[in-house]
Amino acid sequence: MLAFLARTFASKKSQKGLYHAKDIRTGYSYTFSHKATKRTWKPNVHTKKLWSTTLNRMLELPVTIEALRVIRKKGGVDNYLLNTEPQQVRSKFGDLLRSYIEKKKEDPSWPVPYIPGTRKARKTLRSKEEYKNTVIWRPLELRNKDMSMEMFNRYDPNAPIRPDYFKEKNIKEKLAQSEISKTTMKEKKFEYLSGNLLKDITDGISKQLELDAISNNREDKLKDPKSRENKFLKRFKAKTSGK
């Protein structure tokens, strides 16, 4: 397959990043049957985070693979923007960054304005020497035990007790009270359940006695020939036998 490119134009997206003269291209591709088909070729773009030493900022912007290769070859974004020709950079964002870098190099006290898609450098952690100079708090019971001479010389017996101690004491007392209240609640719950159980048993026994009394009364009524139930049964048997 043979491809003949017609024209290359700068897109809007390329003005917001570093494409290094690589942009969308349109043209015609010719197969072996000599049939022309219109095609577009797009560059390989990735959003990357690049560090600028002069601006002291992390730049997050779209970059092509070709631009990344040249940036690594030049040794950073600052050298790439300062040493490459503007025709190859060919982006408004790149020109803006170049002007900022030049101003910062001329005047280090110049405040860098806000750049979209950037953030300042994070504060570094303290060094080991600074950590060594810190004083570690120890409770009153352990202040004179397993202490080096430097710590012993630094020790002040009249040092005030930290305010958190009283808070911890109150918390411990509250926890002890809550444990006592939990035990009392359990006892009350057991008493309540046992009382309800006894009540249910007595209610069941009384109901059973009532049912037994009703059944006994019914049997007595059936034995009596003049009772209402006995008359109804006789009438019912007569009807069924007649049928």
C-alpha atoms as a PDB file:
ATOM      1  CA  MET A   1       0.000   0.000   0.000  1.00  0.00           C
ATOM      2  CA  LEU A   2       1.349   3.415  -0.978  1.00  0.00           C
ATOM      3  CA  ALA A   3       0.319   6.588   0.860  1.00  0.00           C
ATOM      4  CA  PHE A   4       0.656  10.159  -0.379  1.00  0.00           C
ATOM      5  CA  LEU A   5       0.071  12.918   2.181  1.00  0.00           C
ATOM      6  CA  ALA A   6      -1.723  16.027   1.040  1.00  0.00           C
ATOM      7  CA  ARG A   7      -1.531  18.537   3.934  1.00  0.00           C
ATOM      8  CA  THR A   8      -0.853  18.904   7.665  1.00  0.00           C
ATOM      9  CA  PHE A   9      -2.778  21.358   9.842  1.00  0.00           C
ATOM     10  CA  ALA A  10      -2.420  22.437  13.478  1.00  0.00           C
ATOM     11  CA  SER A  11      -5.360  21.277  15.601  1.00  0.00           C
ATOM     12  CA  LYS A  12      -6.738  23.054  18.683  1.00  0.00           C
ATOM     13  CA  LYS A  13      -5.540  20.237  20.953  1.00  0.00           C
ATOM     14  CA  SER A  14      -1.957  20.615  19.750  1.00  0.00           C
ATOM     15  CA  GLN A  15      -1.941  24.239  20.992  1.00  0.00           C
ATOM     16  CA  LYS A  16      -2.520  23.011  24.581  1.00  0.00           C
ATOM     17  CA  GLY A  17       0.435  20.594  24.673  1.00  0.00           C
ATOM     18  CA  LEU A  18       3.791  19.672  23.133  1.00  0.00           C
ATOM     19  CA  TYR A  19       3.369  17.785  19.843  1.00  0.00           C
ATOM     20  CA  HIS A  20       6.807  18.563  18.265  1.00  0.00           C
ATOM     21  CA  ALA A  21       5.455  19.210  14.749  1.00  0.00           C
ATOM     22  CA  LYS A  22       3.448  15.970  14.831  1.00  0.00           C
ATOM     23  CA  ASP A  23      -0.216  16.632  14.115  1.00  0.00           C
ATOM     24  CA  ILE A  24      -3.255  15.356  12.223  1.00  0.00           C
ATOM     25  CA  ARG A  25      -2.504  14.674   8.587  1.00  0.00           C
ATOM     26  CA  THR A  26      -4.979  14.109   5.772  1.00  0.00           C
ATOM     27  CA  GLY A  27      -4.322  12.542   2.410  1.00  0.00           C
ATOM     28  CA  TYR A  28      -5.020   9.678   0.043  1.00  0.00           C
ATOM     29  CA  SER A  29      -3.786   6.122   0.223  1.00  0.00           C
ATOM     30  CA  TYR A  30      -3.355   4.198  -3.016  1.00  0.00           C
ATOM     31  CA  THR A  31      -3.630   0.431  -3.115  1.00  0.00           C
ATOM     32  CA  PHE A  32      -2.178  -1.841  -5.797  1.00  0.00           C
ATOM     33  CA  SER A  33      -5.436  -1.462  -7.729  1.00  0.00           C
ATOM     34  CA  HIS A  34      -4.642   2.300  -7.998  1.00  0.00           C
ATOM     35  CA  LYS A  35      -7.824   3.207  -6.130  1.00  0.00           C
ATOM     36  CA  ALA A  36      -7.481   6.345  -3.975  1.00  0.00           C
ATOM     37  CA  THR A  37      -9.132   6.389  -0.515  1.00  0.00           C
ATOM     38  CA  LYS A  38      -9.188   9.440   1.745  1.00  0.00           C
ATOM     39  CA  ARG A  39      -7.520   8.891   5.133  1.00  0.00           C
ATOM     40  CA  THR A  40      -6.420  10.746   8.269  1.00  0.00           C
ATOM     41  CA  TRP A  41      -3.316   9.965  10.344  1.00  0.00           C
ATOM     42  CA  LYS A  42      -3.392  10.992  14.014  1.00  0.00           C
ATOM     43  CA  PRO A  43      -0.335  11.315  16.277  1.00  0.00           C
ATOM     44  CA  ASN A  44       0.315   9.084  19.303  1.00  0.00           C
ATOM     45  CA  VAL A  45      -0.539  11.405  22.223  1.00  0.00           C
ATOM     46  CA  HIS A  46      -0.308  10.703  25.998  1.00  0.00           C
ATOM     47  CA  THR A  47      -0.922  12.927  29.012  1.00  0.00           C
ATOM     48  CA  LYS A  48       2.328  12.967  31.007  1.00  0.00           C
ATOM     49  CA  LYS A  49       3.665  14.730  34.109  1.00  0.00           C
ATOM     50  CA  LEU A  50       6.908  16.612  33.424  1.00  0.00           C
ATOM     51  CA  TRP A  51       8.963  18.455  36.037  1.00  0.00           C
ATOM     52  CA  SER A  52      10.221  22.004  35.371  1.00  0.00           C
ATOM     53  CA  THR A  53      13.241  22.884  37.552  1.00  0.00           C
ATOM     54  CA  THR A  54      13.246  26.620  36.817  1.00  0.00           C
ATOM     55  CA  LEU A  55       9.502  27.073  37.411  1.00  0.00           C
ATOM     56  CA  ASN A  56       9.512  24.544  40.304  1.00  0.00           C
ATOM     57  CA  ARG A  57       6.246  23.093  39.018  1.00  0.00           C
ATOM     58  CA  MET A  58       4.895  19.755  37.814  1.00  0.00           C
ATOM     59  CA  LEU A  59       3.434  20.193  34.316  1.00  0.00           C
ATOM     60  CA  GLU A  60       0.623  17.828  33.325  1.00  0.00           C
ATOM     61  CA  LEU A  61       0.003  18.171  29.594  1.00  0.00           C
ATOM     62  CA  PRO A  62      -0.575  16.118  26.411  1.00  0.00           C
ATOM     63  CA  VAL A  63       2.715  15.082  24.778  1.00  0.00           C
ATOM     64  CA  THR A  64       3.509  13.024  21.684  1.00  0.00           C
ATOM     65  CA  ILE A  65       6.013  10.164  21.718  1.00  0.00           C
ATOM     66  CA  GLU A  66       8.310  12.158  19.423  1.00  0.00           C
ATOM     67  CA  ALA A  67       8.272  15.129  21.817  1.00  0.00           C
ATOM     68  CA  LEU A  68       9.056  12.828  24.782  1.00  0.00           C
ATOM     69  CA  ARG A  69      12.020  11.361  22.921  1.00  0.00           C
ATOM     70  CA  VAL A  70      13.430  14.825  22.187  1.00  0.00           C
ATOM     71  CA  ILE A  71      12.809  16.016  25.793  1.00  0.00           C
ATOM     72  CA  ARG A  72      14.813  13.044  27.135  1.00  0.00           C
ATOM     73  CA  LYS A  73      17.562  13.725  24.611  1.00  0.00           C
ATOM     74  CA  LYS A  74      17.776  17.424  25.556  1.00  0.00           C
ATOM     75  CA  GLY A  75      17.671  16.670  29.301  1.00  0.00           C
ATOM     76  CA  GLY A  76      14.367  18.123  30.499  1.00  0.00           C
ATOM     77  CA  VAL A  77      11.452  20.327  29.500  1.00  0.00           C
ATOM     78  CA  ASP A  78      13.335  23.566  30.167  1.00  0.00           C
ATOM     79  CA  ASN A  79      16.212  22.693  27.817  1.00  0.00           C
ATOM     80  CA  TYR A  80      13.760  21.418  25.206  1.00  0.00           C
ATOM     81  CA  LEU A  81      11.757  24.664  25.161  1.00  0.00           C
ATOM     82  CA  LEU A  82      14.839  26.917  25.208  1.00  0.00           C
ATOM     83  CA  ASN A  83      16.972  25.058  22.640  1.00  0.00           C
ATOM     84  CA  THR A  84      14.407  23.860  20.067  1.00  0.00           C
ATOM     85  CA  GLU A  85      13.094  26.075  17.303  1.00  0.00           C
ATOM     86  CA  PRO A  86       9.568  27.511  17.694  1.00  0.00           C
ATOM     87  CA  GLN A  87       8.624  26.017  14.295  1.00  0.00           C
ATOM     88  CA  GLN A  88       9.137  22.526  15.716  1.00  0.00           C
ATOM     89  CA  VAL A  89       7.393  23.235  19.045  1.00  0.00           C
ATOM     90  CA  ARG A  90       4.522  24.971  17.223  1.00  0.00           C
ATOM     91  CA  SER A  91       2.132  25.464  20.176  1.00  0.00           C
ATOM     92  CA  LYS A  92       0.878  28.482  22.107  1.00  0.00           C
ATOM     93  CA  PHE A  93       1.271  26.674  25.424  1.00  0.00           C
ATOM     94  CA  GLY A  94       4.913  25.896  24.610  1.00  0.00           C
ATOM     95  CA  ASP A  95       5.600  29.557  23.746  1.00  0.00           C
ATOM     96  CA  LEU A  96       3.997  30.651  27.039  1.00  0.00           C
ATOM     97  CA  LEU A  97       6.140  28.226  29.049  1.00  0.00           C
ATOM     98  CA  ARG A  98       9.281  29.382  27.207  1.00  0.00           C
ATOM     99  CA  SER A  99       8.570  33.022  28.076  1.00  0.00           C
ATOM    100  CA  TYR A 100       8.000  32.105  31.749  1.00  0.00           C
ATOM    101  CA  ILE A 101      11.258  30.126  31.905  1.00  0.00           C
ATOM    102  CA  GLU A 102      13.252  32.990  30.346  1.00  0.00           C
ATOM    103  CA  LYS A 103      11.780  35.525  32.809  1.00  0.00           C
ATOM    104  CA  LYS A 104      12.470  33.245  35.775  1.00  0.00           C
ATOM    105  CA  LYS A 105      16.093  32.731  34.694  1.00  0.00           C
ATOM    106  CA  GLU A 106      16.625  36.477  34.327  1.00  0.00           C
ATOM    107  CA  ASP A 107      14.963  37.302  37.670  1.00  0.00           C
ATOM    108  CA  PRO A 108      14.756  34.392  40.205  1.00  0.00           C
ATOM    109  CA  SER A 109      12.486  36.469  42.506  1.00  0.00           C
ATOM    110  CA  TRP A 110       9.865  36.821  39.734  1.00  0.00           C
ATOM    111  CA  PRO A 111       6.568  35.182  40.916  1.00  0.00           C
ATOM    112  CA  VAL A 112       5.374  32.509  38.506  1.00  0.00           C
ATOM    113  CA  PRO A 113       1.687  33.026  37.602  1.00  0.00           C
ATOM    114  CA  TYR A 114      -0.832  30.200  37.607  1.00  0.00           C
ATOM    115  CA  ILE A 115      -0.351  27.686  34.803  1.00  0.00           C
ATOM    116  CA  PRO A 116      -3.349  25.423  34.022  1.00  0.00           C
ATOM    117  CA  GLY A 117      -2.679  21.764  34.788  1.00  0.00           C
ATOM    118  CA  THR A 118       0.216  22.406  37.170  1.00  0.00           C
ATOM    119  CA  ARG A 119       0.902  22.085  40.892  1.00  0.00           C
ATOM    120  CA  LYS A 120       3.643  23.295  43.211  1.00  0.00           C
ATOM    121  CA  ALA A 121       6.363  21.067  44.638  1.00  0.00           C
ATOM    122  CA  ARG A 122       5.501  19.240  47.826  1.00  0.00           C
ATOM    123  CA  LYS A 123       7.322  20.038  51.040  1.00  0.00           C
ATOM    124  CA  THR A 124      10.120  17.564  51.735  1.00  0.00           C
ATOM    125  CA  LEU A 125      10.236  15.532  54.924  1.00  0.00           C
ATOM    126  CA  ARG A 126      12.520  16.517  57.768  1.00  0.00           C
ATOM    127  CA  SER A 127      16.089  15.237  57.772  1.00  0.00           C
ATOM    128  CA  LYS A 128      17.404  12.622  60.209  1.00  0.00           C
ATOM    129  CA  GLU A 129      19.356  15.265  62.180  1.00  0.00           C
ATOM    130  CA  GLU A 130      16.150  17.215  62.839  1.00  0.00           C
ATOM    131  CA  TYR A 131      14.462  14.038  64.057  1.00  0.00           C
ATOM    132  CA  LYS A 132      17.380  13.378  66.434  1.00  0.00           C
ATOM    133  CA  ASN A 133      16.948  16.762  68.150  1.00  0.00           C
ATOM    134  CA  THR A 134      13.294  16.136  69.006  1.00  0.00           C
ATOM    135  CA  VAL A 135      12.420  15.447  72.672  1.00  0.00           C
ATOM    136  CA  ILE A 136      10.316  12.337  73.259  1.00  0.00           C
ATOM    137  CA  TRP A 137       7.664  12.606  75.971  1.00  0.00           C
ATOM    138  CA  ARG A 138       7.738   9.937  78.702  1.00  0.00           C
ATOM    139  CA  PRO A 139       5.243   9.340  81.518  1.00  0.00           C
ATOM    140  CA  LEU A 140       6.181  10.038  85.136  1.00  0.00           C
ATOM    141  CA  GLU A 141       6.650   6.344  85.961  1.00  0.00           C
ATOM    142  CA  LEU A 142       9.246   5.790  83.208  1.00  0.00           C
ATOM    143  CA  ARG A 143      11.132   9.075  83.273  1.00  0.00           C
ATOM    144  CA  ASN A 144      14.126   7.733  85.264  1.00  0.00           C
ATOM    145  CA  LYS A 145      14.244   4.266  83.667  1.00  0.00           C
ATOM    146  CA  ASP A 146      16.316   3.245  80.633  1.00  0.00           C
ATOM    147  CA  MET A 147      17.395   6.800  79.858  1.00  0.00           C
ATOM    148  CA  SER A 148      20.657   7.913  78.290  1.00  0.00           C
ATOM    149  CA  MET A 149      22.808  10.670  79.851  1.00  0.00           C
ATOM    150  CA  GLU A 150      21.618  13.256  77.326  1.00  0.00           C
ATOM    151  CA  MET A 151      18.012  12.498  78.133  1.00  0.00           C
ATOM    152  CA  PHE A 152      18.802  12.485  81.873  1.00  0.00           C
ATOM    153  CA  ASN A 153      20.426  15.942  81.646  1.00  0.00           C
ATOM    154  CA  ARG A 154      17.428  17.205  79.712  1.00  0.00           C
ATOM    155  CA  TYR A 155      14.988  15.809  82.291  1.00  0.00           C
ATOM    156  CA  ASP A 156      13.102  18.441  84.320  1.00  0.00           C
ATOM    157  CA  PRO A 157      11.431  17.079  87.505  1.00  0.00           C
ATOM    158  CA  ASN A 158       9.254  20.203  87.811  1.00  0.00           C
ATOM    159  CA  ALA A 159       7.824  19.756  84.331  1.00  0.00           C
ATOM    160  CA  PRO A 160       4.024  20.153  84.296  1.00  0.00           C
ATOM    161  CA  ILE A 161       1.860  17.124  83.612  1.00  0.00           C
ATOM    162  CA  ARG A 162       0.461  17.131  80.112  1.00  0.00           C
ATOM    163  CA  PRO A 163      -3.237  18.144  79.941  1.00  0.00           C
ATOM    164  CA  ASP A 164      -4.210  14.941  78.104  1.00  0.00           C
ATOM    165  CA  TYR A 165      -3.509  12.933  81.274  1.00  0.00           C
ATOM    166  CA  PHE A 166      -6.670  14.203  82.997  1.00  0.00           C
ATOM    167  CA  LYS A 167      -8.749  13.506  79.899  1.00  0.00           C
ATOM    168  CA  GLU A 168      -7.472   9.917  79.792  1.00  0.00           C
ATOM    169  CA  LYS A 169      -8.254   9.515  83.491  1.00  0.00           C
ATOM    170  CA  ASN A 170     -11.840  10.683  82.956  1.00  0.00           C
ATOM    171  CA  ILE A 171     -12.213   8.328  79.993  1.00  0.00           C
ATOM    172  CA  LYS A 172     -11.009   5.362  82.080  1.00  0.00           C
ATOM    173  CA  GLU A 173     -13.484   6.214  84.850  1.00  0.00           C
ATOM    174  CA  LYS A 174     -16.319   6.455  82.331  1.00  0.00           C
ATOM    175  CA  LEU A 175     -15.380   3.066  80.884  1.00  0.00           C
ATOM    176  CA  ALA A 176     -15.408   1.492  84.360  1.00  0.00           C
ATOM    177  CA  GLN A 177     -18.855   2.989  85.033  1.00  0.00           C
ATOM    178  CA  SER A 178     -20.142   1.719  81.696  1.00  0.00           C
ATOM    179  CA  GLU A 179     -18.941  -1.819  82.520  1.00  0.00           C
ATOM    180  CA  ILE A 180     -20.804  -1.684  85.858  1.00  0.00           C
ATOM    181  CA  SER A 181     -23.932  -0.431  84.112  1.00  0.00           C
ATOM    182  CA  LYS A 182     -23.641  -3.269  81.572  1.00  0.00           C
ATOM    183  CA  THR A 183     -23.608  -5.878  84.348  1.00  0.00           C
ATOM    184  CA  THR A 184     -26.656  -4.303  86.027  1.00  0.00           C
ATOM    185  CA  MET A 185     -28.484  -4.221  82.697  1.00  0.00           C
ATOM    186  CA  LYS A 186     -27.776  -7.923  82.175  1.00  0.00           C
ATOM    187  CA  GLU A 187     -29.136  -8.761  85.626  1.00  0.00           C
ATOM    188  CA  LYS A 188     -32.282  -6.702  85.000  1.00  0.00           C
ATOM    189  CA  LYS A 189     -32.780  -8.375  81.654  1.00  0.00           C
ATOM    190  CA  PHE A 190     -32.496 -11.836  83.227  1.00  0.00           C
ATOM    191  CA  GLU A 191     -35.028 -10.883  85.914  1.00  0.00           C
ATOM    192  CA  TYR A 192     -37.424  -9.513  83.309  1.00  0.00           C
ATOM    193  CA  LEU A 193     -37.164 -12.628  81.143  1.00  0.00           C
ATOM    194  CA  SER A 194     -37.573 -15.013  84.084  1.00  0.00           C
ATOM    195  CA  GLY A 195     -40.651 -13.059  85.303  1.00  0.00           C
ATOM    196  CA  ASN A 196     -42.225 -13.150  81.836  1.00  0.00           C
ATOM    197  CA  LEU A 197     -41.519 -16.876  81.542  1.00  0.00           C
ATOM    198  CA  LEU A 198     -43.267 -17.634  84.828  1.00  0.00           C
ATOM    199  CA  LYS A 199     -46.204 -15.479  83.802  1.00  0.00           C
ATOM    200  CA  ASP A 200     -46.545 -17.328  80.475  1.00  0.00           C
ATOM    201  CA  ILE A 201     -46.449 -20.712  82.234  1.00  0.00           C
ATOM    202  CA  THR A 202     -49.160 -19.705  84.743  1.00  0.00           C
ATOM    203  CA  ASP A 203     -51.355 -18.257  81.974  1.00  0.00           C
ATOM    204  CA  GLY A 204     -51.036 -21.475  79.971  1.00  0.00           C
ATOM    205  CA  ILE A 205     -51.974 -23.628  82.958  1.00  0.00           C
ATOM    206  CA  SER A 206     -55.047 -21.476  83.741  1.00  0.00           C
ATOM    207  CA  LYS A 207     -56.222 -21.631  80.108  1.00  0.00           C
ATOM    208  CA  GLN A 208     -55.833 -25.387  80.050  1.00  0.00           C
ATOM    209  CA  LEU A 209     -57.906 -25.690  83.244  1.00  0.00           C
ATOM    210  CA  GLU A 210     -60.664 -23.546  81.721  1.00  0.00           C
ATOM    211  CA  LEU A 211     -60.748 -25.717  78.588  1.00  0.00           C
ATOM    212  CA  ASP A 212     -60.966 -28.867  80.690  1.00  0.00           C
ATOM    213  CA  ALA A 213     -63.893 -27.400  82.651  1.00  0.00           C
ATOM    214  CA  ILE A 214     -65.729 -26.480  79.421  1.00  0.00           C
ATOM    215  CA  SER A 215     -65.246 -29.991  77.987  1.00  0.00           C
ATOM    216  CA  ASN A 216     -66.580 -31.586  81.218  1.00  0.00           C
ATOM    217  CA  ASN A 217     -69.697 -29.360  81.133  1.00  0.00           C
ATOM    218  CA  ARG A 218     -70.323 -30.334  77.521  1.00  0.00           C
ATOM    219  CA  GLU A 219     -70.148 -34.057  78.301  1.00  0.00           C
ATOM    220  CA  ASP A 220     -72.645 -33.584  81.164  1.00  0.00           C
ATOM    221  CA  LYS A 221     -75.040 -31.737  78.841  1.00  0.00           C
ATOM    222  CA  LEU A 222     -74.864 -34.509  76.225  1.00  0.00           C
ATOM    223  CA  LYS A 223     -75.795 -37.121  78.829  1.00  0.00           C
ATOM    224  CA  ASP A 224     -78.922 -35.135  79.768  1.00  0.00           C
ATOM    225  CA  PRO A 225     -81.774 -36.142  77.268  1.00  0.00           C
ATOM    226  CA  LYS A 226     -83.586 -32.791  77.697  1.00  0.00           C
ATOM    227  CA  SER A 227     -80.512 -30.705  76.861  1.00  0.00           C
ATOM    228  CA  ARG A 228     -80.413 -28.500  73.776  1.00  0.00           C
ATOM    229  CA  GLU A 229     -77.411 -30.287  72.228  1.00  0.00           C
ATOM    230  CA  ASN A 230     -79.007 -33.717  72.644  1.00  0.00           C
ATOM    231  CA  LYS A 231     -82.249 -32.574  70.970  1.00  0.00           C
ATOM    232  CA  PHE A 232     -80.279 -31.121  68.020  1.00  0.00           C
ATOM    233  CA  LEU A 233     -78.348 -34.385  67.546  1.00  0.00           C
ATOM    234  CA  LYS A 234     -81.574 -36.456  67.551  1.00  0.00           C
ATOM    235  CA  ARG A 235     -83.162 -34.162  64.942  1.00  0.00           C
ATOM    236  CA  PHE A 236     -80.027 -34.338  62.763  1.00  0.00           C
ATOM    237  CA  LYS A 237     -79.912 -38.162  62.917  1.00  0.00           C
ATOM    238  CA  ALA A 238     -83.613 -38.358  61.983  1.00  0.00           C
ATOM    239  CA  LYS A 239     -83.102 -36.189  58.911  1.00  0.00           C
ATOM    240  CA  THR A 240     -80.072 -38.145  57.731  1.00  0.00           C
ATOM    241  CA  SER A 241     -81.790 -41.536  58.226  1.00  0.00           C
ATOM    242  CA  GLY A 242     -84.937 -40.301  56.358  1.00  0.00           C
ATOM    243  CA  LYS A 243     -82.854 -39.455  53.335  1.00  0.00           C
END
